[in-house]
Amino acid sequence: MITEAPHHGRLRPLRRIAGGFALAVCGWLVVVIALTFGSAPGKSMAIIGPPAQALAIIAKANGRVLAASDYVTFARSDDAGFVARLYAAGALLVLDAEQAGGCSGLPPKRIAQL
């Protein structure tokens, strides 16, 4: 007869929760990445990775840089297939900037004061 230590029984529910959470996050990421390929031309994209690498990738993909930070660079192109060209140029991860963090690359709208 094999018996388990009491603490192993308590870890099973935590493992299931962690596994479910990881599966949900991975599923969400796959959907978000897939949706970027269907983005209309002229939308802002967030390229995740070192800025120097991202700038070279954007230049190869015929895009224009909108903004850059430590590991996210925002770019745009009016040509169709921009996301595919970014990946072909070596991008690690490309997300729709508006969906990823609310950045459209456009100047902020002014709110009319009453």
PDB file of N, CA and C in Angstrom:
ATOM      1  N   MET A   1       0.835  -1.169   0.000  1.00  0.00           N
ATOM      2  CA  MET A   1       0.000   0.000   0.000  1.00  0.00           C
ATOM      3  C   MET A   1       0.889   1.245   0.000  1.00  0.00           C
ATOM      4  N   ILE A   2       0.588   2.149  -0.936  1.00  0.00           N
ATOM      5  CA  ILE A   2       1.369   3.380  -1.050  1.00  0.00           C
ATOM      6  C   ILE A   2       0.525   4.517  -0.500  1.00  0.00           C
ATOM      7  N   THR A   3       1.118   5.276   0.366  1.00  0.00           N
ATOM      8  CA  THR A   3       0.424   6.440   0.906  1.00  0.00           C
ATOM      9  C   THR A   3       1.202   7.694   0.555  1.00  0.00           C
ATOM     10  N   GLU A   4       0.466   8.752   0.373  1.00  0.00           N
ATOM     11  CA  GLU A   4       1.096  10.034   0.059  1.00  0.00           C
ATOM     12  C   GLU A   4       1.197  10.861   1.324  1.00  0.00           C
ATOM     13  N   ALA A   5       2.170  11.707   1.339  1.00  0.00           N
ATOM     14  CA  ALA A   5       2.300  12.626   2.464  1.00  0.00           C
ATOM     15  C   ALA A   5       1.120  13.593   2.424  1.00  0.00           C
ATOM     16  N   PRO A   6       0.661  14.050   3.566  1.00  0.00           N
ATOM     17  CA  PRO A   6      -0.518  14.933   3.607  1.00  0.00           C
ATOM     18  C   PRO A   6      -0.369  16.215   2.778  1.00  0.00           C
ATOM     19  N   HIS A   7       0.833  16.754   2.666  1.00  0.00           N
ATOM     20  CA  HIS A   7       0.989  18.020   1.951  1.00  0.00           C
ATOM     21  C   HIS A   7       0.834  17.869   0.442  1.00  0.00           C
ATOM     22  N   HIS A   8       1.027  16.675  -0.102  1.00  0.00           N
ATOM     23  CA  HIS A   8       0.859  16.485  -1.547  1.00  0.00           C
ATOM     24  C   HIS A   8      -0.602  16.643  -1.960  1.00  0.00           C
ATOM     25  N   GLY A   9      -1.513  16.239  -1.114  1.00  0.00           N
ATOM     26  CA  GLY A   9      -2.932  16.360  -1.420  1.00  0.00           C
ATOM     27  C   GLY A   9      -3.383  17.809  -1.515  1.00  0.00           C
ATOM     28  N   ARG A  10      -2.768  18.676  -0.753  1.00  0.00           N
ATOM     29  CA  ARG A  10      -3.133  20.093  -0.779  1.00  0.00           C
ATOM     30  C   ARG A  10      -2.584  20.810  -2.004  1.00  0.00           C
ATOM     31  N   LEU A  11      -1.539  20.276  -2.608  1.00  0.00           N
ATOM     32  CA  LEU A  11      -0.936  20.929  -3.769  1.00  0.00           C
ATOM     33  C   LEU A  11      -1.690  20.647  -5.064  1.00  0.00           C
ATOM     34  N   ARG A  12      -2.435  19.567  -5.130  1.00  0.00           N
ATOM     35  CA  ARG A  12      -3.146  19.224  -6.358  1.00  0.00           C
ATOM     36  C   ARG A  12      -4.105  20.318  -6.818  1.00  0.00           C
ATOM     37  N   PRO A  13      -4.966  20.845  -5.953  1.00  0.00           N
ATOM     38  CA  PRO A  13      -5.854  21.919  -6.428  1.00  0.00           C
ATOM     39  C   PRO A  13      -5.086  23.152  -6.901  1.00  0.00           C
ATOM     40  N   LEU A  14      -3.985  23.481  -6.244  1.00  0.00           N
ATOM     41  CA  LEU A  14      -3.178  24.631  -6.667  1.00  0.00           C
ATOM     42  C   LEU A  14      -2.555  24.383  -8.031  1.00  0.00           C
ATOM     43  N   ARG A  15      -2.126  23.161  -8.283  1.00  0.00           N
ATOM     44  CA  ARG A  15      -1.551  22.826  -9.589  1.00  0.00           C
ATOM     45  C   ARG A  15      -2.608  22.936 -10.676  1.00  0.00           C
ATOM     46  N   ARG A  16      -3.806  22.491 -10.387  1.00  0.00           N
ATOM     47  CA  ARG A  16      -4.882  22.588 -11.375  1.00  0.00           C
ATOM     48  C   ARG A  16      -5.230  24.046 -11.656  1.00  0.00           C
ATOM     49  N   ILE A  17      -5.286  24.847 -10.631  1.00  0.00           N
ATOM     50  CA  ILE A  17      -5.583  26.273 -10.810  1.00  0.00           C
ATOM     51  C   ILE A  17      -4.476  26.938 -11.619  1.00  0.00           C
ATOM     52  N   ALA A  18      -3.230  26.658 -11.269  1.00  0.00           N
ATOM     53  CA  ALA A  18      -2.100  27.250 -11.999  1.00  0.00           C
ATOM     54  C   ALA A  18      -2.092  26.773 -13.446  1.00  0.00           C
ATOM     55  N   GLY A  19      -2.377  25.514 -13.670  1.00  0.00           N
ATOM     56  CA  GLY A  19      -2.426  24.978 -15.032  1.00  0.00           C
ATOM     57  C   GLY A  19      -3.550  25.609 -15.835  1.00  0.00           C
ATOM     58  N   GLY A  20      -4.703  25.771 -15.213  1.00  0.00           N
ATOM     59  CA  GLY A  20      -5.824  26.417 -15.891  1.00  0.00           C
ATOM     60  C   GLY A  20      -5.530  27.863 -16.223  1.00  0.00           C
ATOM     61  N   PHE A  21      -4.888  28.556 -15.296  1.00  0.00           N
ATOM     62  CA  PHE A  21      -4.516  29.947 -15.520  1.00  0.00           C
ATOM     63  C   PHE A  21      -3.515  30.048 -16.672  1.00  0.00           C
ATOM     64  N   ALA A  22      -2.505  29.193 -16.677  1.00  0.00           N
ATOM     65  CA  ALA A  22      -1.499  29.198 -17.747  1.00  0.00           C
ATOM     66  C   ALA A  22      -2.146  28.898 -19.097  1.00  0.00           C
ATOM     67  N   LEU A  23      -3.077  27.956 -19.115  1.00  0.00           N
ATOM     68  CA  LEU A  23      -3.774  27.612 -20.352  1.00  0.00           C
ATOM     69  C   LEU A  23      -4.607  28.793 -20.850  1.00  0.00           C
ATOM     70  N   ALA A  24      -5.283  29.487 -19.956  1.00  0.00           N
ATOM     71  CA  ALA A  24      -6.094  30.649 -20.340  1.00  0.00           C
ATOM     72  C   ALA A  24      -5.218  31.771 -20.892  1.00  0.00           C
ATOM     73  N   VAL A  25      -4.090  32.036 -20.242  1.00  0.00           N
ATOM     74  CA  VAL A  25      -3.183  33.094 -20.707  1.00  0.00           C
ATOM     75  C   VAL A  25      -2.611  32.744 -22.077  1.00  0.00           C
ATOM     76  N   CYS A  26      -2.199  31.504 -22.262  1.00  0.00           N
ATOM     77  CA  CYS A  26      -1.649  31.081 -23.555  1.00  0.00           C
ATOM     78  C   CYS A  26      -2.712  31.158 -24.649  1.00  0.00           C
ATOM     79  N   GLY A  27      -3.928  30.746 -24.323  1.00  0.00           N
ATOM     80  CA  GLY A  27      -5.017  30.829 -25.295  1.00  0.00           C
ATOM     81  C   GLY A  27      -5.318  32.258 -25.694  1.00  0.00           C
ATOM     82  N   TRP A  28      -5.340  33.159 -24.695  1.00  0.00           N
ATOM     83  CA  TRP A  28      -5.578  34.574 -24.976  1.00  0.00           C
ATOM     84  C   TRP A  28      -4.473  35.122 -25.881  1.00  0.00           C
ATOM     85  N   LEU A  29      -3.224  34.776 -25.588  1.00  0.00           N
ATOM     86  CA  LEU A  29      -2.103  35.279 -26.375  1.00  0.00           C
ATOM     87  C   LEU A  29      -2.178  34.789 -27.816  1.00  0.00           C
ATOM     88  N   VAL A  30      -2.549  33.541 -28.019  1.00  0.00           N
ATOM     89  CA  VAL A  30      -2.686  32.997 -29.376  1.00  0.00           C
ATOM     90  C   VAL A  30      -3.768  33.766 -30.139  1.00  0.00           C
ATOM     91  N   VAL A  31      -4.887  34.036 -29.500  1.00  0.00           N
ATOM     92  CA  VAL A  31      -5.975  34.781 -30.150  1.00  0.00           C
ATOM     93  C   VAL A  31      -5.526  36.191 -30.508  1.00  0.00           C
ATOM     94  N   VAL A  32      -4.867  36.868 -29.584  1.00  0.00           N
ATOM     95  CA  VAL A  32      -4.408  38.243 -29.829  1.00  0.00           C
ATOM     96  C   VAL A  32      -3.403  38.285 -30.978  1.00  0.00           C
ATOM     97  N   ILE A  33      -2.479  37.333 -30.998  1.00  0.00           N
ATOM     98  CA  ILE A  33      -1.488  37.292 -32.080  1.00  0.00           C
ATOM     99  C   ILE A  33      -2.171  37.010 -33.409  1.00  0.00           C
ATOM    100  N   ALA A  34      -3.111  36.070 -33.413  1.00  0.00           N
ATOM    101  CA  ALA A  34      -3.825  35.750 -34.651  1.00  0.00           C
ATOM    102  C   ALA A  34      -4.614  36.956 -35.168  1.00  0.00           C
ATOM    103  N   LEU A  35      -5.207  37.720 -34.266  1.00  0.00           N
ATOM    104  CA  LEU A  35      -5.981  38.892 -34.680  1.00  0.00           C
ATOM    105  C   LEU A  35      -5.112  39.986 -35.289  1.00  0.00           C
ATOM    106  N   THR A  36      -3.841  40.057 -34.917  1.00  0.00           N
ATOM    107  CA  THR A  36      -2.976  41.096 -35.488  1.00  0.00           C
ATOM    108  C   THR A  36      -2.770  40.889 -36.984  1.00  0.00           C
ATOM    109  N   PHE A  37      -2.806  39.631 -37.443  1.00  0.00           N
ATOM    110  CA  PHE A  37      -2.621  39.387 -38.870  1.00  0.00           C
ATOM    111  C   PHE A  37      -3.799  39.912 -39.687  1.00  0.00           C
ATOM    112  N   GLY A  38      -4.954  40.042 -39.076  1.00  0.00           N
ATOM    113  CA  GLY A  38      -6.126  40.563 -39.769  1.00  0.00           C
ATOM    114  C   GLY A  38      -6.321  42.056 -39.596  1.00  0.00           C
ATOM    115  N   SER A  39      -5.351  42.724 -39.007  1.00  0.00           N
ATOM    116  CA  SER A  39      -5.470  44.164 -38.774  1.00  0.00           C
ATOM    117  C   SER A  39      -5.464  44.928 -40.087  1.00  0.00           C
ATOM    118  N   ALA A  40      -6.260  45.974 -40.130  1.00  0.00           N
ATOM    119  CA  ALA A  40      -6.339  46.820 -41.322  1.00  0.00           C
ATOM    120  C   ALA A  40      -5.060  47.640 -41.472  1.00  0.00           C
ATOM    121  N   PRO A  41      -4.689  47.948 -42.708  1.00  0.00           N
ATOM    122  CA  PRO A  41      -3.525  48.817 -42.917  1.00  0.00           C
ATOM    123  C   PRO A  41      -3.731  50.156 -42.212  1.00  0.00           C
ATOM    124  N   GLY A  42      -2.655  50.718 -41.696  1.00  0.00           N
ATOM    125  CA  GLY A  42      -2.716  52.009 -41.025  1.00  0.00           C
ATOM    126  C   GLY A  42      -2.912  51.920 -39.525  1.00  0.00           C
ATOM    127  N   LYS A  43      -3.048  50.700 -38.989  1.00  0.00           N
ATOM    128  CA  LYS A  43      -3.202  50.546 -37.539  1.00  0.00           C
ATOM    129  C   LYS A  43      -1.828  50.521 -36.882  1.00  0.00           C
ATOM    130  N   SER A  44      -1.765  50.989 -35.659  1.00  0.00           N
ATOM    131  CA  SER A  44      -0.516  50.986 -34.904  1.00  0.00           C
ATOM    132  C   SER A  44      -0.254  49.588 -34.359  1.00  0.00           C
ATOM    133  N   MET A  45       0.998  49.179 -34.420  1.00  0.00           N
ATOM    134  CA  MET A  45       1.418  47.879 -33.908  1.00  0.00           C
ATOM    135  C   MET A  45       2.469  48.079 -32.824  1.00  0.00           C
ATOM    136  N   ALA A  46       2.437  47.215 -31.829  1.00  0.00           N
ATOM    137  CA  ALA A  46       3.434  47.242 -30.761  1.00  0.00           C
ATOM    138  C   ALA A  46       4.396  46.089 -31.017  1.00  0.00           C
ATOM    139  N   ILE A  47       5.662  46.407 -31.225  1.00  0.00           N
ATOM    140  CA  ILE A  47       6.688  45.398 -31.448  1.00  0.00           C
ATOM    141  C   ILE A  47       7.423  45.218 -30.134  1.00  0.00           C
ATOM    142  N   ILE A  48       7.392  43.998 -29.595  1.00  0.00           N
ATOM    143  CA  ILE A  48       7.993  43.701 -28.310  1.00  0.00           C
ATOM    144  C   ILE A  48       9.414  43.203 -28.530  1.00  0.00           C
ATOM    145  N   GLY A  49      10.368  43.824 -27.850  1.00  0.00           N
ATOM    146  CA  GLY A  49      11.770  43.432 -27.954  1.00  0.00           C
ATOM    147  C   GLY A  49      12.676  44.632 -27.753  1.00  0.00           C
ATOM    148  N   PRO A  50      13.970  44.393 -27.777  1.00  0.00           N
ATOM    149  CA  PRO A  50      14.923  45.497 -27.606  1.00  0.00           C
ATOM    150  C   PRO A  50      14.725  46.563 -28.682  1.00  0.00           C
ATOM    151  N   PRO A  51      14.809  47.838 -28.292  1.00  0.00           N
ATOM    152  CA  PRO A  51      14.521  48.918 -29.244  1.00  0.00           C
ATOM    153  C   PRO A  51      15.408  48.917 -30.495  1.00  0.00           C
ATOM    154  N   ALA A  52      16.689  48.664 -30.351  1.00  0.00           N
ATOM    155  CA  ALA A  52      17.579  48.683 -31.519  1.00  0.00           C
ATOM    156  C   ALA A  52      17.152  47.617 -32.526  1.00  0.00           C
ATOM    157  N   GLN A  53      16.809  46.442 -32.036  1.00  0.00           N
ATOM    158  CA  GLN A  53      16.358  45.359 -32.909  1.00  0.00           C
ATOM    159  C   GLN A  53      15.010  45.733 -33.543  1.00  0.00           C
ATOM    160  N   ALA A  54      14.104  46.296 -32.754  1.00  0.00           N
ATOM    161  CA  ALA A  54      12.783  46.664 -33.259  1.00  0.00           C
ATOM    162  C   ALA A  54      12.884  47.733 -34.346  1.00  0.00           C
ATOM    163  N   LEU A  55      13.767  48.701 -34.167  1.00  0.00           N
ATOM    164  CA  LEU A  55      13.924  49.762 -35.168  1.00  0.00           C
ATOM    165  C   LEU A  55      14.413  49.186 -36.494  1.00  0.00           C
ATOM    166  N   ALA A  56      15.353  48.249 -36.439  1.00  0.00           N
ATOM    167  CA  ALA A  56      15.849  47.606 -37.660  1.00  0.00           C
ATOM    168  C   ALA A  56      14.744  46.786 -38.326  1.00  0.00           C
ATOM    169  N   ILE A  57      13.947  46.101 -37.535  1.00  0.00           N
ATOM    170  CA  ILE A  57      12.846  45.286 -38.057  1.00  0.00           C
ATOM    171  C   ILE A  57      11.807  46.173 -38.737  1.00  0.00           C
ATOM    172  N   ILE A  58      11.468  47.283 -38.106  1.00  0.00           N
ATOM    173  CA  ILE A  58      10.477  48.201 -38.670  1.00  0.00           C
ATOM    174  C   ILE A  58      10.984  48.780 -39.988  1.00  0.00           C
ATOM    175  N   ALA A  59      12.265  49.123 -40.046  1.00  0.00           N
ATOM    176  CA  ALA A  59      12.832  49.651 -41.282  1.00  0.00           C
ATOM    177  C   ALA A  59      12.768  48.603 -42.395  1.00  0.00           C
ATOM    178  N   LYS A  60      13.080  47.346 -42.089  1.00  0.00           N
ATOM    179  CA  LYS A  60      13.016  46.268 -43.089  1.00  0.00           C
ATOM    180  C   LYS A  60      11.583  46.031 -43.564  1.00  0.00           C
ATOM    181  N   ALA A  61      10.610  46.252 -42.683  1.00  0.00           N
ATOM    182  CA  ALA A  61       9.205  46.002 -43.011  1.00  0.00           C
ATOM    183  C   ALA A  61       8.527  47.223 -43.633  1.00  0.00           C
ATOM    184  N   ASN A  62       9.292  48.267 -43.930  1.00  0.00           N
ATOM    185  CA  ASN A  62       8.767  49.502 -44.538  1.00  0.00           C
ATOM    186  C   ASN A  62       7.700  50.166 -43.674  1.00  0.00           C
ATOM    187  N   GLY A  63       7.953  50.245 -42.375  1.00  0.00           N
ATOM    188  CA  GLY A  63       7.042  50.923 -41.461  1.00  0.00           C
ATOM    189  C   GLY A  63       7.675  52.203 -40.950  1.00  0.00           C
ATOM    190  N   ARG A  64       6.899  52.949 -40.188  1.00  0.00           N
ATOM    191  CA  ARG A  64       7.448  54.158 -39.566  1.00  0.00           C
ATOM    192  C   ARG A  64       7.243  54.065 -38.060  1.00  0.00           C
ATOM    193  N   VAL A  65       8.249  54.509 -37.344  1.00  0.00           N
ATOM    194  CA  VAL A  65       8.255  54.440 -35.889  1.00  0.00           C
ATOM    195  C   VAL A  65       7.407  55.581 -35.335  1.00  0.00           C
ATOM    196  N   LEU A  66       6.549  55.240 -34.376  1.00  0.00           N
ATOM    197  CA  LEU A  66       5.716  56.243 -33.716  1.00  0.00           C
ATOM    198  C   LEU A  66       6.269  56.613 -32.352  1.00  0.00           C
ATOM    199  N   ALA A  67       6.719  55.608 -31.600  1.00  0.00           N
ATOM    200  CA  ALA A  67       7.262  55.828 -30.254  1.00  0.00           C
ATOM    201  C   ALA A  67       8.046  54.588 -29.861  1.00  0.00           C
ATOM    202  N   ALA A  68       8.972  54.770 -28.927  1.00  0.00           N
ATOM    203  CA  ALA A  68       9.761  53.637 -28.450  1.00  0.00           C
ATOM    204  C   ALA A  68      10.026  53.792 -26.963  1.00  0.00           C
ATOM    205  N   SER A  69      10.051  52.659 -26.274  1.00  0.00           N
ATOM    206  CA  SER A  69      10.416  52.632 -24.859  1.00  0.00           C
ATOM    207  C   SER A  69      11.399  51.484 -24.674  1.00  0.00           C
ATOM    208  N   ASP A  70      11.601  51.051 -23.445  1.00  0.00           N
ATOM    209  CA  ASP A  70      12.616  50.038 -23.174  1.00  0.00           C
ATOM    210  C   ASP A  70      12.430  48.742 -23.962  1.00  0.00           C
ATOM    211  N   TYR A  71      11.232  48.191 -24.002  1.00  0.00           N
ATOM    212  CA  TYR A  71      11.022  46.931 -24.714  1.00  0.00           C
ATOM    213  C   TYR A  71       9.783  46.922 -25.585  1.00  0.00           C
ATOM    214  N   VAL A  72       9.177  48.070 -25.835  1.00  0.00           N
ATOM    215  CA  VAL A  72       8.019  48.156 -26.721  1.00  0.00           C
ATOM    216  C   VAL A  72       8.240  49.327 -27.673  1.00  0.00           C
ATOM    217  N   THR A  73       8.115  49.040 -28.964  1.00  0.00           N
ATOM    218  CA  THR A  73       8.240  50.076 -29.985  1.00  0.00           C
ATOM    219  C   THR A  73       6.949  50.083 -30.786  1.00  0.00           C
ATOM    220  N   PHE A  74       6.370  51.250 -30.971  1.00  0.00           N
ATOM    221  CA  PHE A  74       5.119  51.387 -31.707  1.00  0.00           C
ATOM    222  C   PHE A  74       5.430  51.836 -33.119  1.00  0.00           C
ATOM    223  N   ALA A  75       4.784  51.189 -34.084  1.00  0.00           N
ATOM    224  CA  ALA A  75       5.026  51.503 -35.494  1.00  0.00           C
ATOM    225  C   ALA A  75       3.727  51.390 -36.272  1.00  0.00           C
ATOM    226  N   ARG A  76       3.771  51.937 -37.481  1.00  0.00           N
ATOM    227  CA  ARG A  76       2.594  51.912 -38.345  1.00  0.00           C
ATOM    228  C   ARG A  76       3.043  51.844 -39.792  1.00  0.00           C
ATOM    229  N   SER A  77       2.205  51.234 -40.610  1.00  0.00           N
ATOM    230  CA  SER A  77       2.405  51.233 -42.055  1.00  0.00           C
ATOM    231  C   SER A  77       1.042  51.257 -42.712  1.00  0.00           C
ATOM    232  N   ASP A  78       0.934  51.965 -43.827  1.00  0.00           N
ATOM    233  CA  ASP A  78      -0.319  52.023 -44.567  1.00  0.00           C
ATOM    234  C   ASP A  78      -0.441  50.885 -45.575  1.00  0.00           C
ATOM    235  N   ASP A  79       0.600  50.064 -45.684  1.00  0.00           N
ATOM    236  CA  ASP A  79       0.598  48.946 -46.623  1.00  0.00           C
ATOM    237  C   ASP A  79       0.013  47.698 -45.972  1.00  0.00           C
ATOM    238  N   ALA A  80      -0.689  46.896 -46.765  1.00  0.00           N
ATOM    239  CA  ALA A  80      -1.226  45.625 -46.279  1.00  0.00           C
ATOM    240  C   ALA A  80      -0.070  44.650 -46.023  1.00  0.00           C
ATOM    241  N   GLY A  81      -0.248  43.760 -45.077  1.00  0.00           N
ATOM    242  CA  GLY A  81       0.757  42.745 -44.793  1.00  0.00           C
ATOM    243  C   GLY A  81       1.888  43.225 -43.887  1.00  0.00           C
ATOM    244  N   PHE A  82       1.686  44.324 -43.194  1.00  0.00           N
ATOM    245  CA  PHE A  82       2.737  44.882 -42.337  1.00  0.00           C
ATOM    246  C   PHE A  82       3.142  43.912 -41.232  1.00  0.00           C
ATOM    247  N   VAL A  83       2.167  43.274 -40.605  1.00  0.00           N
ATOM    248  CA  VAL A  83       2.465  42.353 -39.503  1.00  0.00           C
ATOM    249  C   VAL A  83       3.289  41.174 -40.012  1.00  0.00           C
ATOM    250  N   ALA A  84       2.909  40.618 -41.138  1.00  0.00           N
ATOM    251  CA  ALA A  84       3.665  39.487 -41.704  1.00  0.00           C
ATOM    252  C   ALA A  84       5.088  39.916 -42.041  1.00  0.00           C
ATOM    253  N   ARG A  85       5.260  41.134 -42.564  1.00  0.00           N
ATOM    254  CA  ARG A  85       6.613  41.621 -42.873  1.00  0.00           C
ATOM    255  C   ARG A  85       7.434  41.826 -41.600  1.00  0.00           C
ATOM    256  N   LEU A  86       6.784  42.277 -40.518  1.00  0.00           N
ATOM    257  CA  LEU A  86       7.504  42.445 -39.249  1.00  0.00           C
ATOM    258  C   LEU A  86       8.029  41.098 -38.755  1.00  0.00           C
ATOM    259  N   TYR A  87       7.175  40.080 -38.786  1.00  0.00           N
ATOM    260  CA  TYR A  87       7.623  38.747 -38.364  1.00  0.00           C
ATOM    261  C   TYR A  87       8.704  38.208 -39.300  1.00  0.00           C
ATOM    262  N   ALA A  88       8.555  38.426 -40.604  1.00  0.00           N
ATOM    263  CA  ALA A  88       9.561  37.960 -41.559  1.00  0.00           C
ATOM    264  C   ALA A  88      10.903  38.660 -41.340  1.00  0.00           C
ATOM    265  N   ALA A  89      10.863  39.901 -40.848  1.00  0.00           N
ATOM    266  CA  ALA A  89      12.090  40.651 -40.587  1.00  0.00           C
ATOM    267  C   ALA A  89      12.731  40.268 -39.258  1.00  0.00           C
ATOM    268  N   GLY A  90      12.031  39.438 -38.447  1.00  0.00           N
ATOM    269  CA  GLY A  90      12.639  38.959 -37.206  1.00  0.00           C
ATOM    270  C   GLY A  90      11.967  39.387 -35.918  1.00  0.00           C
ATOM    271  N   ALA A  91      10.778  39.951 -35.995  1.00  0.00           N
ATOM    272  CA  ALA A  91      10.085  40.372 -34.772  1.00  0.00           C
ATOM    273  C   ALA A  91       9.744  39.162 -33.907  1.00  0.00           C
ATOM    274  N   LEU A  92       9.916  39.313 -32.602  1.00  0.00           N
ATOM    275  CA  LEU A  92       9.595  38.238 -31.668  1.00  0.00           C
ATOM    276  C   LEU A  92       8.101  38.189 -31.380  1.00  0.00           C
ATOM    277  N   LEU A  93       7.496  39.361 -31.160  1.00  0.00           N
ATOM    278  CA  LEU A  93       6.075  39.430 -30.849  1.00  0.00           C
ATOM    279  C   LEU A  93       5.529  40.763 -31.343  1.00  0.00           C
ATOM    280  N   VAL A  94       4.425  40.708 -32.082  1.00  0.00           N
ATOM    281  CA  VAL A  94       3.768  41.903 -32.603  1.00  0.00           C
ATOM    282  C   VAL A  94       2.318  41.873 -32.129  1.00  0.00           C
ATOM    283  N   LEU A  95       1.883  42.955 -31.516  1.00  0.00           N
ATOM    284  CA  LEU A  95       0.508  43.063 -31.024  1.00  0.00           C
ATOM    285  C   LEU A  95      -0.138  44.324 -31.575  1.00  0.00           C
ATOM    286  N   ASP A  96      -1.447  44.285 -31.712  1.00  0.00           N
ATOM    287  CA  ASP A  96      -2.197  45.482 -32.075  1.00  0.00           C
ATOM    288  C   ASP A  96      -2.053  46.453 -30.909  1.00  0.00           C
ATOM    289  N   ALA A  97      -1.508  47.616 -31.155  1.00  0.00           N
ATOM    290  CA  ALA A  97      -1.196  48.564 -30.077  1.00  0.00           C
ATOM    291  C   ALA A  97      -2.447  49.015 -29.337  1.00  0.00           C
ATOM    292  N   GLU A  98      -3.547  49.179 -30.044  1.00  0.00           N
ATOM    293  CA  GLU A  98      -4.779  49.624 -29.398  1.00  0.00           C
ATOM    294  C   GLU A  98      -5.329  48.550 -28.472  1.00  0.00           C
ATOM    295  N   GLN A  99      -5.255  47.292 -28.880  1.00  0.00           N
ATOM    296  CA  GLN A  99      -5.741  46.196 -28.044  1.00  0.00           C
ATOM    297  C   GLN A  99      -4.761  45.880 -26.928  1.00  0.00           C
ATOM    298  N   ALA A 100      -3.475  46.000 -27.207  1.00  0.00           N
ATOM    299  CA  ALA A 100      -2.462  45.624 -26.219  1.00  0.00           C
ATOM    300  C   ALA A 100      -2.375  46.604 -25.063  1.00  0.00           C
ATOM    301  N   GLY A 101      -2.520  47.879 -25.342  1.00  0.00           N
ATOM    302  CA  GLY A 101      -2.352  48.828 -24.254  1.00  0.00           C
ATOM    303  C   GLY A 101      -3.038  50.148 -24.461  1.00  0.00           C
ATOM    304  N   GLY A 102      -3.849  50.249 -25.477  1.00  0.00           N
ATOM    305  CA  GLY A 102      -4.594  51.470 -25.676  1.00  0.00           C
ATOM    306  C   GLY A 102      -3.857  52.550 -26.430  1.00  0.00           C
ATOM    307  N   CYS A 103      -2.713  52.246 -27.006  1.00  0.00           N
ATOM    308  CA  CYS A 103      -1.953  53.263 -27.727  1.00  0.00           C
ATOM    309  C   CYS A 103      -2.289  53.181 -29.209  1.00  0.00           C
ATOM    310  N   SER A 104      -2.794  54.251 -29.755  1.00  0.00           N
ATOM    311  CA  SER A 104      -3.109  54.270 -31.178  1.00  0.00           C
ATOM    312  C   SER A 104      -2.008  54.950 -31.978  1.00  0.00           C
ATOM    313  N   GLY A 105      -1.113  55.643 -31.292  1.00  0.00           N
ATOM    314  CA  GLY A 105      -0.088  56.392 -31.993  1.00  0.00           C
ATOM    315  C   GLY A 105      -0.575  57.742 -32.470  1.00  0.00           C
ATOM    316  N   LEU A 106      -1.833  58.042 -32.212  1.00  0.00           N
ATOM    317  CA  LEU A 106      -2.393  59.330 -32.591  1.00  0.00           C
ATOM    318  C   LEU A 106      -2.271  60.309 -31.432  1.00  0.00           C
ATOM    319  N   PRO A 107      -2.271  61.607 -31.719  1.00  0.00           N
ATOM    320  CA  PRO A 107      -2.219  62.565 -30.618  1.00  0.00           C
ATOM    321  C   PRO A 107      -3.466  62.414 -29.742  1.00  0.00           C
ATOM    322  N   PRO A 108      -3.349  62.689 -28.436  1.00  0.00           N
ATOM    323  CA  PRO A 108      -4.507  62.543 -27.554  1.00  0.00           C
ATOM    324  C   PRO A 108      -5.622  63.512 -27.940  1.00  0.00           C
ATOM    325  N   LYS A 109      -6.850  63.040 -27.771  1.00  0.00           N
ATOM    326  CA  LYS A 109      -8.007  63.894 -28.063  1.00  0.00           C
ATOM    327  C   LYS A 109      -8.171  64.886 -26.934  1.00  0.00           C
ATOM    328  N   ARG A 110      -8.489  66.091 -27.288  1.00  0.00           N
ATOM    329  CA  ARG A 110      -8.723  67.119 -26.270  1.00  0.00           C
ATOM    330  C   ARG A 110     -10.173  67.056 -25.843  1.00  0.00           C
ATOM    331  N   ILE A 111     -10.389  67.167 -24.559  1.00  0.00           N
ATOM    332  CA  ILE A 111     -11.740  67.154 -24.027  1.00  0.00           C
ATOM    333  C   ILE A 111     -12.209  68.594 -23.895  1.00  0.00           C
ATOM    334  N   ALA A 112     -13.348  68.861 -24.482  1.00  0.00           N
ATOM    335  CA  ALA A 112     -13.885  70.214 -24.422  1.00  0.00           C
ATOM    336  C   ALA A 112     -14.271  70.560 -22.981  1.00  0.00           C
ATOM    337  N   GLN A 113     -13.874  71.735 -22.567  1.00  0.00           N
ATOM    338  CA  GLN A 113     -14.219  72.183 -21.219  1.00  0.00           C
ATOM    339  C   GLN A 113     -15.551  72.905 -21.263  1.00  0.00           C
ATOM    340  N   LEU A 114     -16.359  72.664 -20.257  1.00  0.00           N
ATOM    341  CA  LEU A 114     -17.687  73.285 -20.214  1.00  0.00           C
ATOM    342  C   LEU A 114     -17.628  74.650 -19.612  1.00  0.00           C
TER     343      LEU A 114
END
